[in-house]
Amino acid sequence: MALAEERFRQYQSGERGRPTGFIYFITCMSSVHYPIKIGWSASLTDSRVTSLQTGNPNVLTMIATLPATQEDERKLHLYFSHLHVRGEWF
C-alpha cells in the first residue's frame, strides 16, 4: 500500500515530524468475508481491540498498525469506500 510505505518512510526519516497517532486495522478471522475496521487512535494499545471485543461475539484481531494522522485515516476510508460495510468496517 503506497500510503503506508510513504508514511513509514516519512516517519523514519523525520521528514514529516512525529505523527499524531496510529491507524489500526482490525479483523474478524472467523467471518466468511473478513471485514476490516480501519480506525485511528492517539496511542498504540490493545485497549481498542478489547473495547470492540465487548460488543462482538467473534474474536477480533489487530492485523496492522501505521503511524499516521486522522487525515490519513479519512483518506483510507475514501480509498476503500467501494468496500464499505458499516461505520469504519470495510
Protein backbone atom coordinates (compact mmCIF):
# COMPACT_ATOMS: atom_id res chain seq x y z
CA MET A 1 0.00 0.00 0.00
CA ALA A 2 1.54 3.25 -1.15
CA LEU A 3 0.20 5.38 1.73
CA ALA A 4 1.63 3.02 4.34
CA GLU A 5 5.04 2.94 2.68
CA GLU A 6 5.13 6.72 2.24
CA ARG A 7 4.05 7.49 5.82
CA PHE A 8 6.51 4.96 7.25
CA ARG A 9 9.35 6.43 5.15
CA GLN A 10 8.45 9.97 6.27
CA TYR A 11 8.17 8.86 9.89
CA GLN A 12 11.54 7.08 9.84
CA SER A 13 13.33 9.98 8.13
CA GLY A 14 11.80 12.62 10.41
CA GLU A 15 10.72 14.45 7.27
CA ARG A 16 7.13 14.83 8.38
CA GLY A 17 7.69 15.08 12.09
CA ARG A 18 6.05 12.78 14.54
CA PRO A 19 2.58 11.52 13.57
CA THR A 20 -0.29 12.45 15.84
CA GLY A 21 -1.31 8.82 16.33
CA PHE A 22 -1.80 5.49 14.64
CA ILE A 23 -4.13 3.93 12.12
CA TYR A 24 -5.05 0.38 13.08
CA PHE A 25 -6.57 -2.45 11.10
CA ILE A 26 -8.70 -4.98 12.99
CA THR A 27 -10.42 -8.03 11.51
CA CYS A 28 -12.66 -10.89 12.49
CA MET A 29 -10.91 -14.03 11.22
CA SER A 30 -13.95 -16.24 11.86
CA SER A 31 -16.14 -14.24 9.46
CA VAL A 32 -16.61 -15.54 5.93
CA HIS A 33 -15.89 -12.08 4.49
CA TYR A 34 -13.04 -10.99 6.82
CA PRO A 35 -14.32 -7.45 7.42
CA ILE A 36 -11.60 -4.98 8.37
CA LYS A 37 -12.03 -1.99 10.66
CA ILE A 38 -9.85 0.96 9.74
CA GLY A 39 -9.60 3.24 12.74
CA TRP A 40 -7.35 5.85 14.33
CA SER A 41 -6.05 6.13 17.88
CA ALA A 42 -3.79 8.64 19.62
CA SER A 43 -1.90 5.79 21.27
CA LEU A 44 -0.97 2.30 20.21
CA THR A 45 -2.52 -0.07 22.72
CA ASP A 46 -4.57 -3.26 22.76
CA SER A 47 -7.38 -1.42 24.55
CA ARG A 48 -9.11 -0.65 21.23
CA VAL A 49 -9.47 -4.35 20.41
CA THR A 50 -10.64 -5.03 23.95
CA SER A 51 -13.34 -2.35 23.82
CA LEU A 52 -14.56 -3.53 20.40
CA GLN A 53 -14.48 -7.15 21.54
CA THR A 54 -17.02 -6.41 24.28
CA GLY A 55 -19.80 -5.95 21.72
CA ASN A 56 -18.72 -8.67 19.29
CA PRO A 57 -19.23 -12.42 19.78
CA ASN A 58 -16.40 -13.22 17.34
CA VAL A 59 -12.70 -12.95 18.17
CA LEU A 60 -11.18 -9.72 16.83
CA THR A 61 -7.51 -9.47 15.86
CA MET A 62 -5.30 -6.44 15.26
CA ILE A 63 -3.59 -7.18 11.93
CA ALA A 64 -1.57 -4.00 11.33
CA THR A 65 -0.78 -0.51 12.60
CA LEU A 66 0.66 2.54 10.89
CA PRO A 67 1.96 5.83 12.30
CA ALA A 68 -0.43 8.38 10.80
CA THR A 69 -2.81 11.28 11.25
CA GLN A 70 -6.60 11.39 11.34
CA GLU A 71 -6.45 12.89 7.84
CA ASP A 72 -4.61 9.75 6.67
CA GLU A 73 -7.42 7.64 8.16
CA ARG A 74 -10.01 9.72 6.27
CA LYS A 75 -8.09 9.17 3.01
CA LEU A 76 -8.08 5.40 3.59
CA HIS A 77 -11.83 5.44 4.24
CA LEU A 78 -12.35 7.26 0.94
CA TYR A 79 -9.98 4.92 -0.91
CA PHE A 80 -11.82 1.82 0.34
CA SER A 81 -15.32 3.37 0.19
CA HIS A 82 -16.37 0.90 -2.53
CA LEU A 83 -15.88 -1.88 0.06
CA HIS A 84 -17.72 -0.11 2.91
CA VAL A 85 -19.88 -2.36 5.10
CA ARG A 86 -20.86 -0.18 8.10
CA GLY A 87 -19.21 2.51 10.21
CA GLU A 88 -15.44 2.05 9.87
CA TRP A 89 -15.75 -1.57 8.65
CA PHE A 90 -14.73 -2.43 5.11
